[in-house]
Amino acid sequence: MRSTLRVAHPLVVIGAALLLVLAVFTIRVPAPPPAVAPLIGVRWAPSVDAGGRAAREASFRLRRGEPHSDRTWSYDLLDTSRDNICFTRFWSGRLAA
């Protein structure tokens, strides 16, 4: 009995190659965090007291806050992900003026 080697149909090979290429391009690799945290300024709404400000600083990963006036502070922004800096998340709670 003679053994025969079957060669895959060229369209099957091309389809498999395209699927592999698409799989490679759909894998998302997150960008590395910046070497230095960006400095941002926040002017807190008058209704936000010291306890509320501290809770929001932790929630938004704001560090080393320095006051410039009673309501305006500058911070190092540790989490630069899109979800963290989304304006609708930050502004919708009327946290800042």
N, C-alpha and C. Protein backbone atom coordinates (compact mmCIF):
# COMPACT_ATOMS: atom_id res chain seq x y z
N MET A 1 0.83 -1.17 0.00
CA MET A 1 0.00 0.00 0.00
C MET A 1 0.88 1.24 0.00
N ARG A 2 0.49 2.13 -0.78
CA ARG A 2 1.29 3.34 -0.97
C ARG A 2 0.73 4.49 -0.15
N SER A 3 1.58 5.18 0.56
CA SER A 3 1.17 6.33 1.38
C SER A 3 1.18 7.58 0.52
N THR A 4 0.11 8.34 0.62
CA THR A 4 0.06 9.59 -0.15
C THR A 4 -0.03 10.76 0.82
N LEU A 5 0.64 11.79 0.48
CA LEU A 5 0.64 13.01 1.28
C LEU A 5 -0.32 13.99 0.63
N ARG A 6 -1.32 14.43 1.40
CA ARG A 6 -2.29 15.39 0.86
C ARG A 6 -1.81 16.81 1.12
N VAL A 7 -1.90 17.61 0.14
CA VAL A 7 -1.55 19.02 0.26
C VAL A 7 -2.84 19.79 0.44
N ALA A 8 -2.84 20.70 1.42
CA ALA A 8 -4.04 21.49 1.68
C ALA A 8 -4.34 22.38 0.48
N HIS A 9 -5.60 22.61 0.30
CA HIS A 9 -6.05 23.47 -0.79
C HIS A 9 -5.48 24.87 -0.57
N PRO A 10 -5.03 25.56 -1.61
CA PRO A 10 -4.42 26.89 -1.45
C PRO A 10 -5.34 27.89 -0.75
N LEU A 11 -6.64 27.81 -0.98
CA LEU A 11 -7.55 28.75 -0.32
C LEU A 11 -7.60 28.52 1.19
N VAL A 12 -7.47 27.28 1.62
CA VAL A 12 -7.45 26.97 3.04
C VAL A 12 -6.18 27.55 3.67
N VAL A 13 -5.08 27.42 3.00
CA VAL A 13 -3.81 27.96 3.51
C VAL A 13 -3.87 29.49 3.59
N ILE A 14 -4.40 30.11 2.56
CA ILE A 14 -4.51 31.58 2.55
C ILE A 14 -5.46 32.04 3.66
N GLY A 15 -6.58 31.35 3.83
CA GLY A 15 -7.53 31.70 4.89
C GLY A 15 -6.92 31.58 6.27
N ALA A 16 -6.18 30.52 6.50
CA ALA A 16 -5.53 30.33 7.80
C ALA A 16 -4.49 31.42 8.05
N ALA A 17 -3.76 31.78 7.02
CA ALA A 17 -2.75 32.84 7.16
C ALA A 17 -3.42 34.18 7.47
N LEU A 18 -4.54 34.48 6.82
CA LEU A 18 -5.26 35.73 7.09
C LEU A 18 -5.79 35.75 8.52
N LEU A 19 -6.32 34.63 8.99
CA LEU A 19 -6.80 34.57 10.36
C LEU A 19 -5.66 34.80 11.36
N LEU A 20 -4.51 34.25 11.07
CA LEU A 20 -3.36 34.45 11.94
C LEU A 20 -2.94 35.92 11.97
N VAL A 21 -2.91 36.56 10.82
CA VAL A 21 -2.54 37.97 10.74
C VAL A 21 -3.56 38.82 11.50
N LEU A 22 -4.84 38.55 11.32
CA LEU A 22 -5.87 39.30 12.05
C LEU A 22 -5.75 39.10 13.55
N ALA A 23 -5.46 37.90 13.98
CA ALA A 23 -5.30 37.63 15.41
C ALA A 23 -4.14 38.43 15.98
N VAL A 24 -3.05 38.51 15.25
CA VAL A 24 -1.88 39.26 15.72
C VAL A 24 -2.20 40.75 15.85
N PHE A 25 -2.95 41.31 14.90
CA PHE A 25 -3.22 42.74 14.92
C PHE A 25 -4.34 43.12 15.88
N THR A 26 -5.12 42.17 16.37
CA THR A 26 -6.17 42.52 17.32
C THR A 26 -5.72 42.41 18.76
N ILE A 27 -4.56 41.86 19.00
CA ILE A 27 -4.04 41.80 20.36
C ILE A 27 -3.57 43.19 20.75
N ARG A 28 -4.10 43.68 21.86
CA ARG A 28 -3.75 45.03 22.31
C ARG A 28 -2.76 44.95 23.46
N VAL A 29 -1.69 45.63 23.30
CA VAL A 29 -0.67 45.70 24.35
C VAL A 29 -0.76 47.09 24.95
N PRO A 30 -1.00 47.18 26.27
CA PRO A 30 -1.11 48.50 26.87
C PRO A 30 0.21 49.26 26.79
N ALA A 31 0.08 50.56 26.64
CA ALA A 31 1.27 51.40 26.59
C ALA A 31 1.94 51.39 27.97
N PRO A 32 3.24 51.43 28.00
CA PRO A 32 3.92 51.47 29.30
C PRO A 32 3.61 52.78 30.01
N PRO A 33 3.60 52.76 31.33
CA PRO A 33 3.33 54.00 32.05
C PRO A 33 4.45 55.01 31.79
N PRO A 34 4.12 56.29 31.85
CA PRO A 34 5.16 57.29 31.62
C PRO A 34 6.22 57.22 32.71
N ALA A 35 7.43 57.57 32.33
CA ALA A 35 8.53 57.56 33.30
C ALA A 35 8.29 58.57 34.42
N VAL A 36 7.67 59.68 34.07
CA VAL A 36 7.33 60.72 35.03
C VAL A 36 5.83 60.96 34.94
N ALA A 37 5.17 60.97 36.09
CA ALA A 37 3.73 61.19 36.09
C ALA A 37 3.43 62.61 35.61
N PRO A 38 2.43 62.76 34.73
CA PRO A 38 2.08 64.11 34.27
C PRO A 38 1.50 64.94 35.41
N LEU A 39 1.79 66.20 35.38
CA LEU A 39 1.29 67.14 36.38
C LEU A 39 -0.01 67.73 35.87
N ILE A 40 -1.07 67.65 36.69
CA ILE A 40 -2.36 68.22 36.29
C ILE A 40 -2.83 69.19 37.36
N GLY A 41 -3.71 70.09 36.98
CA GLY A 41 -4.31 71.03 37.91
C GLY A 41 -5.79 70.74 38.05
N VAL A 42 -6.29 70.84 39.28
CA VAL A 42 -7.71 70.61 39.55
C VAL A 42 -8.23 71.76 40.39
N ARG A 43 -9.34 72.33 39.95
CA ARG A 43 -10.03 73.33 40.76
C ARG A 43 -11.29 72.65 41.29
N TRP A 44 -11.28 72.32 42.58
CA TRP A 44 -12.37 71.59 43.20
C TRP A 44 -13.59 72.47 43.39
N ALA A 45 -14.76 71.88 43.24
CA ALA A 45 -16.02 72.59 43.46
C ALA A 45 -16.11 73.01 44.92
N PRO A 46 -16.78 74.11 45.21
CA PRO A 46 -16.89 74.57 46.60
C PRO A 46 -17.53 73.53 47.52
N SER A 47 -18.35 72.66 46.98
CA SER A 47 -19.04 71.66 47.80
C SER A 47 -18.14 70.50 48.22
N VAL A 48 -16.94 70.37 47.67
CA VAL A 48 -16.03 69.27 48.00
C VAL A 48 -15.18 69.68 49.19
N ASP A 49 -15.38 68.98 50.33
CA ASP A 49 -14.60 69.29 51.53
C ASP A 49 -13.30 68.48 51.52
N ALA A 50 -12.51 68.61 52.57
CA ALA A 50 -11.19 67.95 52.63
C ALA A 50 -11.33 66.43 52.55
N GLY A 51 -12.32 65.88 53.23
CA GLY A 51 -12.52 64.43 53.18
C GLY A 51 -12.93 63.95 51.80
N GLY A 52 -13.83 64.69 51.16
CA GLY A 52 -14.25 64.35 49.80
C GLY A 52 -13.11 64.48 48.81
N ARG A 53 -12.29 65.51 49.00
CA ARG A 53 -11.14 65.71 48.12
C ARG A 53 -10.16 64.54 48.26
N ALA A 54 -9.91 64.11 49.51
CA ALA A 54 -8.98 63.00 49.74
C ALA A 54 -9.51 61.71 49.11
N ALA A 55 -10.81 61.49 49.20
CA ALA A 55 -11.40 60.28 48.60
C ALA A 55 -11.26 60.33 47.08
N ARG A 56 -11.49 61.48 46.48
CA ARG A 56 -11.36 61.61 45.02
C ARG A 56 -9.91 61.52 44.58
N GLU A 57 -9.00 62.06 45.38
CA GLU A 57 -7.58 61.93 45.06
C GLU A 57 -7.17 60.46 44.98
N ALA A 58 -7.67 59.67 45.93
CA ALA A 58 -7.35 58.24 45.92
C ALA A 58 -8.03 57.56 44.73
N SER A 59 -9.28 57.90 44.47
CA SER A 59 -10.04 57.27 43.39
C SER A 59 -9.41 57.52 42.02
N PHE A 60 -8.93 58.73 41.80
CA PHE A 60 -8.34 59.10 40.51
C PHE A 60 -6.83 58.92 40.48
N ARG A 61 -6.27 58.39 41.56
CA ARG A 61 -4.82 58.16 41.68
C ARG A 61 -4.03 59.44 41.49
N LEU A 62 -4.42 60.46 42.23
CA LEU A 62 -3.72 61.74 42.24
C LEU A 62 -2.79 61.75 43.45
N ARG A 63 -1.53 62.09 43.24
CA ARG A 63 -0.56 62.06 44.33
C ARG A 63 0.18 63.39 44.43
N ARG A 64 0.75 63.58 45.61
CA ARG A 64 1.56 64.76 45.94
C ARG A 64 0.84 66.06 45.60
N GLY A 65 -0.36 66.17 46.11
CA GLY A 65 -1.15 67.38 45.87
C GLY A 65 -0.54 68.59 46.53
N GLU A 66 -0.49 69.68 45.78
CA GLU A 66 0.00 70.94 46.32
C GLU A 66 -1.07 72.00 46.10
N PRO A 67 -1.52 72.63 47.18
CA PRO A 67 -2.55 73.66 47.02
C PRO A 67 -1.97 74.95 46.45
N HIS A 68 -2.76 75.58 45.58
CA HIS A 68 -2.39 76.89 45.04
C HIS A 68 -3.33 77.96 45.56
N SER A 69 -4.50 77.53 45.97
CA SER A 69 -5.47 78.38 46.65
C SER A 69 -6.37 77.43 47.43
N ASP A 70 -7.45 77.92 47.97
CA ASP A 70 -8.29 77.04 48.77
C ASP A 70 -8.94 75.93 47.95
N ARG A 71 -9.15 76.13 46.65
CA ARG A 71 -9.81 75.13 45.82
C ARG A 71 -8.96 74.61 44.67
N THR A 72 -7.85 75.22 44.36
CA THR A 72 -7.03 74.82 43.22
C THR A 72 -5.78 74.09 43.68
N TRP A 73 -5.60 72.88 43.15
CA TRP A 73 -4.48 72.03 43.53
C TRP A 73 -3.79 71.52 42.28
N SER A 74 -2.49 71.19 42.41
CA SER A 74 -1.78 70.49 41.34
C SER A 74 -1.41 69.10 41.87
N TYR A 75 -1.44 68.12 40.95
CA TYR A 75 -1.20 66.73 41.33
C TYR A 75 -0.34 66.03 40.29
N ASP A 76 0.32 64.95 40.74
CA ASP A 76 0.91 63.97 39.82
C ASP A 76 -0.19 62.97 39.51
N LEU A 77 -0.45 62.74 38.24
CA LEU A 77 -1.47 61.79 37.81
C LEU A 77 -0.79 60.45 37.56
N LEU A 78 -1.03 59.48 38.47
CA LEU A 78 -0.35 58.19 38.37
C LEU A 78 -1.01 57.25 37.37
N ASP A 79 -2.32 57.35 37.21
CA ASP A 79 -3.04 56.46 36.29
C ASP A 79 -3.47 57.27 35.07
N THR A 80 -2.76 57.08 33.97
CA THR A 80 -3.06 57.84 32.76
C THR A 80 -3.94 57.05 31.80
N SER A 81 -4.58 55.99 32.29
CA SER A 81 -5.46 55.21 31.42
C SER A 81 -6.66 56.05 30.99
N ARG A 82 -7.22 55.67 29.86
CA ARG A 82 -8.37 56.40 29.32
C ARG A 82 -9.54 56.39 30.29
N ASP A 83 -9.76 55.25 30.95
CA ASP A 83 -10.87 55.16 31.90
C ASP A 83 -10.70 56.12 33.07
N ASN A 84 -9.47 56.33 33.50
CA ASN A 84 -9.24 57.20 34.65
C ASN A 84 -9.35 58.68 34.30
N ILE A 85 -8.94 59.06 33.13
CA ILE A 85 -8.95 60.49 32.80
C ILE A 85 -10.14 60.89 31.96
N CYS A 86 -11.10 59.99 31.82
CA CYS A 86 -12.30 60.29 31.04
C CYS A 86 -13.00 61.50 31.67
N PHE A 87 -13.22 62.53 30.89
CA PHE A 87 -13.82 63.75 31.42
C PHE A 87 -15.23 63.51 31.97
N THR A 88 -15.99 62.63 31.33
CA THR A 88 -17.34 62.42 31.83
C THR A 88 -17.32 61.81 33.22
N ARG A 89 -16.36 60.95 33.51
CA ARG A 89 -16.27 60.38 34.86
C ARG A 89 -15.91 61.45 35.87
N PHE A 90 -14.98 62.29 35.51
CA PHE A 90 -14.50 63.30 36.45
C PHE A 90 -15.50 64.43 36.64
N TRP A 91 -16.02 64.94 35.56
CA TRP A 91 -16.87 66.12 35.64
C TRP A 91 -18.32 65.80 35.99
N SER A 92 -18.78 64.59 35.70
CA SER A 92 -20.19 64.28 35.91
C SER A 92 -20.60 64.34 37.37
N GLY A 93 -19.67 64.10 38.27
CA GLY A 93 -19.97 64.16 39.70
C GLY A 93 -19.86 65.55 40.28
N ARG A 94 -19.66 66.53 39.43
CA ARG A 94 -19.49 67.91 39.89
C ARG A 94 -18.40 68.03 40.94
N LEU A 95 -17.30 67.31 40.66
CA LEU A 95 -16.19 67.33 41.61
C LEU A 95 -15.32 68.57 41.43
N ALA A 96 -15.26 69.01 40.20
CA ALA A 96 -14.40 70.15 39.91
C ALA A 96 -15.24 71.27 39.33
N ALA A 97 -14.76 72.48 39.47
CA ALA A 97 -15.50 73.64 38.98
C ALA A 97 -15.04 74.02 37.59
